[in-house]
C-alpha cells in the first residue's frame, strides 16, 4: 500500500537546505530525502500497485506538484475517475509546461512515459484514451505528487 498524501512541506528538495537546481541533486541526496517507495517510483521509473495510491480516489480542489522538486504538474479541475488504478488527469498545466514525454517500449508495450521537466522524476504515462476534450489520460503515480489545497 502506498504511503499517505504528500503536502507542500513534503516536497523533497526543500529538505536539502540551500535550494539547488533539481537536476544537480545526486541519487544519494534524493535517496536521503524521499521515502523508499517514492524514490523507487520517481527516481527508478517504478510503479506503485494499482488502486493503492493516496490520490486515486481523491478529488479536493487544488493543484498537484512534483514531490521531488515542487514543479506544478496538474490542477484538480483536470482530474477524473478513470478506474485504471492510478490518478488520472485529462491535461497537464499549460500544455506540458513542466512535463517531458518519452517513448517507452518496455515490457513489450508501446507507451509514452511522462517525467518532470525540472528534475527528471518519473511520474507515470500518458495514453490516448482520455475524455473527448483532450483525448488524453495522464496516469500518474500518487507517490510522485504532493497536493496543495486551494484557498
N, C-alpha and C. Protein backbone atom coordinates (compact mmCIF):
# COMPACT_ATOMS: atom_id res chain seq x y z
N UNK A 1 0.85 -1.18 0.00
CA UNK A 1 0.00 0.00 0.00
C UNK A 1 0.89 1.24 0.00
N UNK A 2 0.55 2.20 -0.82
CA UNK A 2 1.33 3.42 -0.91
C UNK A 2 1.18 4.26 0.35
N UNK A 3 2.20 5.06 0.59
CA UNK A 3 2.16 5.96 1.74
C UNK A 3 1.06 7.00 1.54
N UNK A 4 0.78 7.77 2.58
CA UNK A 4 -0.29 8.75 2.56
C UNK A 4 -0.03 9.91 1.63
N UNK A 5 -0.92 10.88 1.72
CA UNK A 5 -0.83 12.06 0.88
C UNK A 5 0.39 12.90 1.27
N UNK A 6 0.98 13.52 0.27
CA UNK A 6 2.10 14.44 0.48
C UNK A 6 1.56 15.86 0.39
N UNK A 7 1.97 16.71 1.31
CA UNK A 7 1.59 18.12 1.27
C UNK A 7 2.76 18.96 0.81
N UNK A 8 2.56 20.28 0.71
CA UNK A 8 3.62 21.18 0.24
C UNK A 8 4.92 21.06 1.03
N UNK A 9 4.83 20.76 2.32
CA UNK A 9 6.04 20.64 3.14
C UNK A 9 6.81 19.36 2.87
N UNK A 10 6.21 18.44 2.11
CA UNK A 10 6.86 17.17 1.81
C UNK A 10 7.68 17.21 0.53
N UNK A 11 7.69 18.33 -0.17
CA UNK A 11 8.49 18.43 -1.39
C UNK A 11 9.95 18.24 -1.01
N UNK A 12 10.56 17.20 -1.57
CA UNK A 12 11.87 16.73 -1.14
C UNK A 12 12.99 17.76 -1.24
N UNK A 13 13.01 18.54 -2.30
CA UNK A 13 14.14 19.46 -2.49
C UNK A 13 14.22 20.48 -1.36
N UNK A 14 13.10 20.79 -0.71
CA UNK A 14 13.10 21.73 0.42
C UNK A 14 13.88 21.17 1.60
N UNK A 15 13.99 19.85 1.68
CA UNK A 15 14.68 19.19 2.79
C UNK A 15 16.20 19.20 2.61
N UNK A 16 16.66 19.64 1.46
CA UNK A 16 18.09 19.65 1.19
C UNK A 16 18.77 20.94 1.64
N UNK A 17 18.00 21.85 2.22
CA UNK A 17 18.60 23.10 2.69
C UNK A 17 18.66 24.11 1.58
N UNK A 18 19.86 24.53 1.23
CA UNK A 18 20.02 25.52 0.17
C UNK A 18 19.34 25.02 -1.10
N UNK A 19 18.48 25.86 -1.64
CA UNK A 19 17.78 25.47 -2.85
C UNK A 19 18.81 25.35 -3.97
N UNK A 20 18.78 24.21 -4.63
CA UNK A 20 19.71 23.99 -5.73
C UNK A 20 18.94 23.56 -6.96
N UNK A 21 19.61 23.55 -8.08
CA UNK A 21 19.00 23.10 -9.32
C UNK A 21 18.62 21.63 -9.15
N UNK A 22 17.33 21.29 -9.30
CA UNK A 22 16.92 19.89 -9.08
C UNK A 22 17.67 18.88 -9.95
N UNK A 23 18.12 19.31 -11.12
CA UNK A 23 18.85 18.38 -12.00
C UNK A 23 20.27 18.12 -11.49
N UNK A 24 20.72 18.91 -10.50
CA UNK A 24 22.05 18.72 -9.93
C UNK A 24 22.03 17.86 -8.66
N UNK A 25 20.84 17.48 -8.19
CA UNK A 25 20.73 16.66 -6.99
C UNK A 25 21.17 15.23 -7.33
N UNK A 26 22.06 14.67 -6.53
CA UNK A 26 22.56 13.31 -6.78
C UNK A 26 21.53 12.27 -6.35
N UNK A 27 21.68 11.07 -6.87
CA UNK A 27 20.79 9.97 -6.48
C UNK A 27 20.88 9.73 -4.97
N UNK A 28 22.07 9.84 -4.41
CA UNK A 28 22.24 9.66 -2.95
C UNK A 28 21.47 10.72 -2.17
N UNK A 29 21.50 11.96 -2.66
CA UNK A 29 20.75 13.02 -1.99
C UNK A 29 19.24 12.76 -2.08
N UNK A 30 18.77 12.35 -3.26
CA UNK A 30 17.35 12.02 -3.40
C UNK A 30 16.98 10.89 -2.44
N UNK A 31 17.83 9.90 -2.36
CA UNK A 31 17.56 8.74 -1.50
C UNK A 31 17.40 9.15 -0.04
N UNK A 32 18.16 10.15 0.39
CA UNK A 32 18.10 10.62 1.79
C UNK A 32 16.81 11.36 2.10
N UNK A 33 16.21 12.03 1.12
CA UNK A 33 15.06 12.89 1.40
C UNK A 33 13.72 12.35 0.89
N UNK A 34 13.73 11.25 0.18
CA UNK A 34 12.49 10.66 -0.31
C UNK A 34 12.18 9.36 0.43
N UNK A 35 10.90 9.09 0.73
CA UNK A 35 10.55 7.77 1.26
C UNK A 35 10.97 6.70 0.25
N UNK A 36 11.26 5.51 0.71
CA UNK A 36 11.78 4.43 -0.15
C UNK A 36 10.89 4.17 -1.37
N UNK A 37 9.58 4.08 -1.17
CA UNK A 37 8.69 3.80 -2.30
C UNK A 37 8.70 4.95 -3.30
N UNK A 38 8.71 6.17 -2.82
CA UNK A 38 8.75 7.33 -3.71
C UNK A 38 10.06 7.34 -4.49
N UNK A 39 11.16 7.05 -3.83
CA UNK A 39 12.45 7.00 -4.52
C UNK A 39 12.41 5.95 -5.63
N UNK A 40 11.90 4.77 -5.32
CA UNK A 40 11.85 3.69 -6.31
C UNK A 40 11.01 4.08 -7.53
N UNK A 41 9.87 4.69 -7.30
CA UNK A 41 8.98 5.06 -8.41
C UNK A 41 9.52 6.28 -9.15
N UNK A 42 9.81 7.36 -8.43
CA UNK A 42 10.19 8.62 -9.08
C UNK A 42 11.60 8.61 -9.67
N UNK A 43 12.53 7.99 -9.01
CA UNK A 43 13.92 8.05 -9.47
C UNK A 43 14.34 6.82 -10.28
N UNK A 44 13.61 5.68 -10.11
CA UNK A 44 13.97 4.45 -10.83
C UNK A 44 12.87 3.98 -11.78
N UNK A 45 11.91 4.86 -12.09
CA UNK A 45 10.82 4.56 -13.03
C UNK A 45 10.00 3.34 -12.63
N UNK A 46 9.77 3.20 -11.33
CA UNK A 46 8.92 2.12 -10.84
C UNK A 46 7.45 2.49 -10.99
N UNK A 47 6.59 1.63 -10.47
CA UNK A 47 5.15 1.86 -10.49
C UNK A 47 4.56 1.41 -9.18
N UNK A 48 3.72 2.25 -8.58
CA UNK A 48 3.05 1.83 -7.35
C UNK A 48 1.93 0.86 -7.73
N UNK A 49 1.56 -0.05 -6.82
CA UNK A 49 0.50 -1.01 -7.14
C UNK A 49 -0.81 -0.29 -7.47
N UNK A 50 -1.60 -0.83 -8.42
CA UNK A 50 -2.86 -0.19 -8.77
C UNK A 50 -3.80 -0.10 -7.57
N UNK A 51 -4.59 0.96 -7.54
CA UNK A 51 -5.60 1.23 -6.51
C UNK A 51 -5.01 1.41 -5.12
N UNK A 52 -3.72 1.61 -5.00
CA UNK A 52 -3.08 1.76 -3.69
C UNK A 52 -2.72 3.21 -3.36
N UNK A 53 -2.69 4.07 -4.35
CA UNK A 53 -2.23 5.44 -4.16
C UNK A 53 -3.21 6.33 -3.43
N UNK A 54 -2.67 7.24 -2.66
CA UNK A 54 -3.48 8.17 -1.86
C UNK A 54 -4.36 9.08 -2.70
N UNK A 55 -4.00 9.33 -3.95
CA UNK A 55 -4.76 10.27 -4.77
C UNK A 55 -5.66 9.61 -5.80
N UNK A 56 -5.75 8.29 -5.80
CA UNK A 56 -6.57 7.58 -6.78
C UNK A 56 -8.03 8.04 -6.71
N UNK A 57 -8.59 8.07 -5.52
CA UNK A 57 -10.00 8.47 -5.33
C UNK A 57 -10.10 9.76 -4.52
N UNK A 58 -9.18 10.66 -4.74
CA UNK A 58 -9.09 11.93 -4.01
C UNK A 58 -9.47 13.05 -4.96
N UNK A 59 -10.45 13.88 -4.58
CA UNK A 59 -10.95 14.89 -5.52
C UNK A 59 -11.11 16.27 -4.89
N UNK A 60 -10.23 16.66 -3.98
CA UNK A 60 -10.29 18.01 -3.41
C UNK A 60 -9.77 19.02 -4.42
N UNK A 61 -10.17 20.28 -4.24
CA UNK A 61 -9.73 21.36 -5.13
C UNK A 61 -8.32 21.80 -4.76
N UNK A 62 -7.48 21.95 -5.76
CA UNK A 62 -6.11 22.38 -5.54
C UNK A 62 -5.24 22.03 -6.73
N UNK A 63 -3.95 21.90 -6.46
CA UNK A 63 -3.02 21.56 -7.54
C UNK A 63 -2.06 20.48 -7.08
N UNK A 64 -1.57 19.74 -8.04
CA UNK A 64 -0.62 18.65 -7.79
C UNK A 64 0.74 19.09 -8.31
N UNK A 65 1.76 18.92 -7.46
CA UNK A 65 3.12 19.30 -7.82
C UNK A 65 4.03 18.09 -7.71
N UNK A 66 5.18 18.17 -8.34
CA UNK A 66 6.18 17.10 -8.26
C UNK A 66 6.66 17.00 -6.81
N UNK A 67 6.62 15.80 -6.25
CA UNK A 67 7.04 15.62 -4.85
C UNK A 67 8.56 15.77 -4.70
N UNK A 68 9.28 15.65 -5.78
CA UNK A 68 10.74 15.82 -5.70
C UNK A 68 11.14 17.29 -5.71
N UNK A 69 10.61 18.08 -6.66
CA UNK A 69 11.10 19.45 -6.82
C UNK A 69 10.05 20.54 -6.67
N UNK A 70 8.77 20.19 -6.62
CA UNK A 70 7.72 21.18 -6.45
C UNK A 70 7.18 21.79 -7.73
N UNK A 71 7.61 21.32 -8.89
CA UNK A 71 7.10 21.86 -10.16
C UNK A 71 5.60 21.57 -10.27
N UNK A 72 4.84 22.57 -10.70
CA UNK A 72 3.39 22.40 -10.86
C UNK A 72 3.11 21.48 -12.04
N UNK A 73 2.28 20.45 -11.81
CA UNK A 73 2.01 19.44 -12.83
C UNK A 73 0.57 19.44 -13.33
N UNK A 74 -0.38 19.37 -12.38
CA UNK A 74 -1.80 19.23 -12.74
C UNK A 74 -2.67 20.06 -11.79
N UNK A 75 -3.80 20.53 -12.31
CA UNK A 75 -4.82 21.17 -11.49
C UNK A 75 -5.93 20.16 -11.24
N UNK A 76 -6.62 20.31 -10.13
CA UNK A 76 -7.67 19.37 -9.77
C UNK A 76 -8.83 19.39 -10.77
N UNK A 77 -9.02 20.49 -11.49
CA UNK A 77 -10.13 20.53 -12.45
C UNK A 77 -9.91 19.62 -13.65
N UNK A 78 -8.70 19.11 -13.83
CA UNK A 78 -8.44 18.17 -14.92
C UNK A 78 -8.41 16.71 -14.44
N UNK A 79 -8.64 16.50 -13.14
CA UNK A 79 -8.61 15.14 -12.57
C UNK A 79 -9.98 14.49 -12.75
N UNK A 80 -9.97 13.22 -13.08
CA UNK A 80 -11.23 12.49 -13.23
C UNK A 80 -11.02 11.03 -12.83
N UNK A 81 -12.12 10.33 -12.60
CA UNK A 81 -12.07 8.92 -12.24
C UNK A 81 -12.04 8.10 -13.53
N UNK A 82 -10.93 7.41 -13.77
CA UNK A 82 -10.79 6.58 -14.97
C UNK A 82 -10.93 5.10 -14.65
N UNK A 83 -10.84 4.75 -13.36
CA UNK A 83 -10.96 3.35 -12.97
C UNK A 83 -9.75 2.51 -13.35
N UNK A 84 -8.63 3.16 -13.63
CA UNK A 84 -7.43 2.44 -14.08
C UNK A 84 -6.50 2.03 -12.93
N UNK A 85 -6.76 2.55 -11.72
CA UNK A 85 -5.93 2.19 -10.57
C UNK A 85 -4.95 3.26 -10.14
N UNK A 86 -4.84 4.32 -10.93
CA UNK A 86 -3.94 5.44 -10.62
C UNK A 86 -4.70 6.74 -10.86
N UNK A 87 -4.28 7.83 -10.23
CA UNK A 87 -4.92 9.11 -10.51
C UNK A 87 -4.83 9.44 -12.00
N UNK A 88 -5.94 9.94 -12.54
CA UNK A 88 -5.99 10.25 -13.97
C UNK A 88 -6.32 11.73 -14.17
N UNK A 89 -5.64 12.33 -15.13
CA UNK A 89 -5.83 13.74 -15.47
C UNK A 89 -6.01 13.85 -16.98
N UNK A 90 -6.88 14.76 -17.42
CA UNK A 90 -7.12 14.93 -18.85
C UNK A 90 -6.12 15.88 -19.50
N UNK A 91 -5.46 16.71 -18.68
CA UNK A 91 -4.45 17.62 -19.23
C UNK A 91 -3.50 18.05 -18.12
N UNK A 92 -2.32 18.45 -18.53
CA UNK A 92 -1.32 18.96 -17.59
C UNK A 92 -1.41 20.49 -17.54
N UNK A 93 -0.68 21.09 -16.64
CA UNK A 93 -0.65 22.55 -16.53
C UNK A 93 0.05 23.14 -17.75
N UNK A 94 -0.60 24.10 -18.38
CA UNK A 94 -0.02 24.84 -19.51
C UNK A 94 0.63 23.96 -20.57
N UNK A 95 -0.13 22.97 -21.04
CA UNK A 95 0.34 22.12 -22.15
C UNK A 95 1.74 21.56 -21.93
N UNK A 96 1.90 20.84 -20.84
CA UNK A 96 3.17 20.17 -20.52
C UNK A 96 4.30 21.14 -20.20
N UNK A 97 3.97 22.27 -19.59
CA UNK A 97 4.99 23.25 -19.21
C UNK A 97 6.11 22.60 -18.38
N UNK A 98 5.75 21.69 -17.48
CA UNK A 98 6.73 21.04 -16.60
C UNK A 98 6.82 19.54 -16.82
N UNK A 99 6.41 19.08 -17.99
CA UNK A 99 6.40 17.64 -18.28
C UNK A 99 7.15 17.35 -19.58
N UNK A 100 7.91 16.27 -19.56
CA UNK A 100 8.60 15.76 -20.75
C UNK A 100 7.93 14.44 -21.12
N UNK A 101 7.71 14.22 -22.40
CA UNK A 101 7.17 12.95 -22.90
C UNK A 101 8.30 12.15 -23.54
N UNK A 102 8.35 10.86 -23.19
CA UNK A 102 9.40 9.99 -23.70
C UNK A 102 8.77 8.68 -24.19
N UNK A 103 9.13 8.26 -25.39
CA UNK A 103 8.64 6.98 -25.91
C UNK A 103 9.15 5.86 -25.00
N UNK A 104 8.25 4.96 -24.63
CA UNK A 104 8.57 3.86 -23.72
C UNK A 104 8.09 2.55 -24.34
N UNK A 105 9.02 1.72 -24.76
CA UNK A 105 8.68 0.43 -25.37
C UNK A 105 9.01 -0.74 -24.44
N UNK A 106 9.11 -0.46 -23.15
CA UNK A 106 9.44 -1.52 -22.19
C UNK A 106 8.25 -2.45 -21.98
N UNK A 107 8.53 -3.60 -21.43
CA UNK A 107 7.52 -4.61 -21.08
C UNK A 107 6.66 -5.02 -22.27
N UNK A 108 7.21 -4.92 -23.47
CA UNK A 108 6.50 -5.33 -24.68
C UNK A 108 5.33 -4.43 -25.05
N UNK A 109 5.29 -3.21 -24.52
CA UNK A 109 4.20 -2.29 -24.81
C UNK A 109 4.75 -1.02 -25.43
N UNK A 110 3.91 -0.34 -26.21
CA UNK A 110 4.29 0.97 -26.74
C UNK A 110 3.49 2.00 -25.95
N UNK A 111 4.22 2.79 -25.14
CA UNK A 111 3.58 3.78 -24.29
C UNK A 111 4.38 5.08 -24.36
N UNK A 112 3.82 6.12 -23.73
CA UNK A 112 4.53 7.38 -23.60
C UNK A 112 4.71 7.68 -22.13
N UNK A 113 5.95 7.66 -21.69
CA UNK A 113 6.28 7.97 -20.29
C UNK A 113 6.23 9.47 -20.11
N UNK A 114 5.81 9.92 -18.92
CA UNK A 114 5.88 11.34 -18.59
C UNK A 114 6.80 11.52 -17.39
N UNK A 115 7.68 12.52 -17.51
CA UNK A 115 8.65 12.86 -16.46
C UNK A 115 8.56 14.34 -16.15
N UNK A 116 9.01 14.70 -14.97
CA UNK A 116 9.08 16.11 -14.58
C UNK A 116 10.21 16.77 -15.36
N UNK A 117 9.90 17.87 -16.02
CA UNK A 117 10.90 18.59 -16.82
C UNK A 117 11.99 19.21 -15.95
N UNK A 118 11.66 19.57 -14.71
CA UNK A 118 12.62 20.27 -13.85
C UNK A 118 13.60 19.35 -13.14
N UNK A 119 13.17 18.12 -12.78
CA UNK A 119 14.08 17.24 -12.01
C UNK A 119 14.20 15.84 -12.59
N UNK A 120 13.50 15.56 -13.70
CA UNK A 120 13.54 14.28 -14.39
C UNK A 120 12.92 13.13 -13.60
N UNK A 121 12.04 13.43 -12.65
CA UNK A 121 11.35 12.36 -11.91
C UNK A 121 10.36 11.66 -12.83
N UNK A 122 10.32 10.33 -12.77
CA UNK A 122 9.30 9.55 -13.46
C UNK A 122 7.97 9.82 -12.77
N UNK A 123 6.94 10.15 -13.55
CA UNK A 123 5.62 10.43 -12.99
C UNK A 123 4.62 9.33 -13.31
N UNK A 124 4.67 8.82 -14.53
CA UNK A 124 3.72 7.80 -14.98
C UNK A 124 3.73 7.76 -16.50
N UNK A 125 2.52 7.63 -17.08
CA UNK A 125 2.40 7.54 -18.54
C UNK A 125 1.18 8.34 -18.99
N UNK A 126 1.16 8.68 -20.27
CA UNK A 126 0.00 9.33 -20.87
C UNK A 126 -0.48 8.44 -22.01
N UNK A 127 -1.80 8.26 -22.07
CA UNK A 127 -2.43 7.40 -23.07
C UNK A 127 -3.43 8.22 -23.89
N UNK A 128 -3.81 7.70 -25.05
CA UNK A 128 -4.71 8.44 -25.95
C UNK A 128 -6.17 7.98 -25.82
N UNK A 129 -6.56 7.55 -24.63
CA UNK A 129 -7.94 7.08 -24.42
C UNK A 129 -8.68 7.92 -23.38
N UNK A 130 -8.32 9.19 -23.29
CA UNK A 130 -8.92 10.08 -22.29
C UNK A 130 -10.22 10.71 -22.73
N UNK A 131 -10.74 11.63 -21.93
CA UNK A 131 -12.00 12.32 -22.24
C UNK A 131 -11.95 13.03 -23.59
N UNK A 132 -13.12 13.22 -24.18
CA UNK A 132 -13.25 13.79 -25.52
C UNK A 132 -12.52 15.13 -25.68
N UNK A 133 -12.56 15.98 -24.66
CA UNK A 133 -11.98 17.32 -24.79
C UNK A 133 -10.49 17.31 -25.15
N UNK A 134 -9.72 16.36 -24.61
CA UNK A 134 -8.29 16.29 -24.91
C UNK A 134 -7.89 14.96 -25.54
N UNK A 135 -8.65 13.93 -25.26
CA UNK A 135 -8.31 12.59 -25.76
C UNK A 135 -7.17 11.95 -25.00
N UNK A 136 -6.67 12.63 -23.96
CA UNK A 136 -5.52 12.11 -23.23
C UNK A 136 -5.87 11.72 -21.80
N UNK A 137 -5.19 10.68 -21.33
CA UNK A 137 -5.31 10.23 -19.93
C UNK A 137 -3.91 10.13 -19.35
N UNK A 138 -3.57 11.10 -18.51
CA UNK A 138 -2.31 11.03 -17.78
C UNK A 138 -2.56 10.11 -16.59
N UNK A 139 -1.85 9.03 -16.52
CA UNK A 139 -1.97 8.03 -15.46
C UNK A 139 -0.73 8.19 -14.58
N UNK A 140 -0.91 8.80 -13.40
CA UNK A 140 0.22 9.28 -12.60
C UNK A 140 0.29 8.57 -11.25
N UNK A 141 1.48 8.19 -10.84
CA UNK A 141 1.69 7.56 -9.53
C UNK A 141 1.48 8.58 -8.42
N UNK A 142 0.63 8.24 -7.44
CA UNK A 142 0.36 9.14 -6.31
C UNK A 142 1.63 9.53 -5.57
N UNK A 143 2.55 8.58 -5.38
CA UNK A 143 3.75 8.86 -4.58
C UNK A 143 4.67 9.88 -5.24
N UNK A 144 4.42 10.21 -6.49
CA UNK A 144 5.25 11.18 -7.21
C UNK A 144 4.71 12.60 -7.12
N UNK A 145 3.57 12.76 -6.43
CA UNK A 145 2.95 14.08 -6.36
C UNK A 145 2.74 14.52 -4.91
N UNK A 146 2.76 15.83 -4.72
CA UNK A 146 2.31 16.46 -3.47
C UNK A 146 1.10 17.29 -3.86
N UNK A 147 0.16 17.45 -2.94
CA UNK A 147 -1.06 18.19 -3.21
C UNK A 147 -1.07 19.49 -2.43
N UNK A 148 -1.39 20.57 -3.11
CA UNK A 148 -1.52 21.88 -2.47
C UNK A 148 -2.98 22.29 -2.58
N UNK A 149 -3.66 22.30 -1.44
CA UNK A 149 -5.09 22.60 -1.38
C UNK A 149 -5.36 24.05 -1.79
N UNK A 150 -6.47 24.24 -2.54
CA UNK A 150 -6.87 25.59 -2.94
C UNK A 150 -7.37 26.35 -1.73
N UNK A 151 -7.18 27.66 -1.76
CA UNK A 151 -7.65 28.51 -0.64
C UNK A 151 -9.15 28.62 -0.62
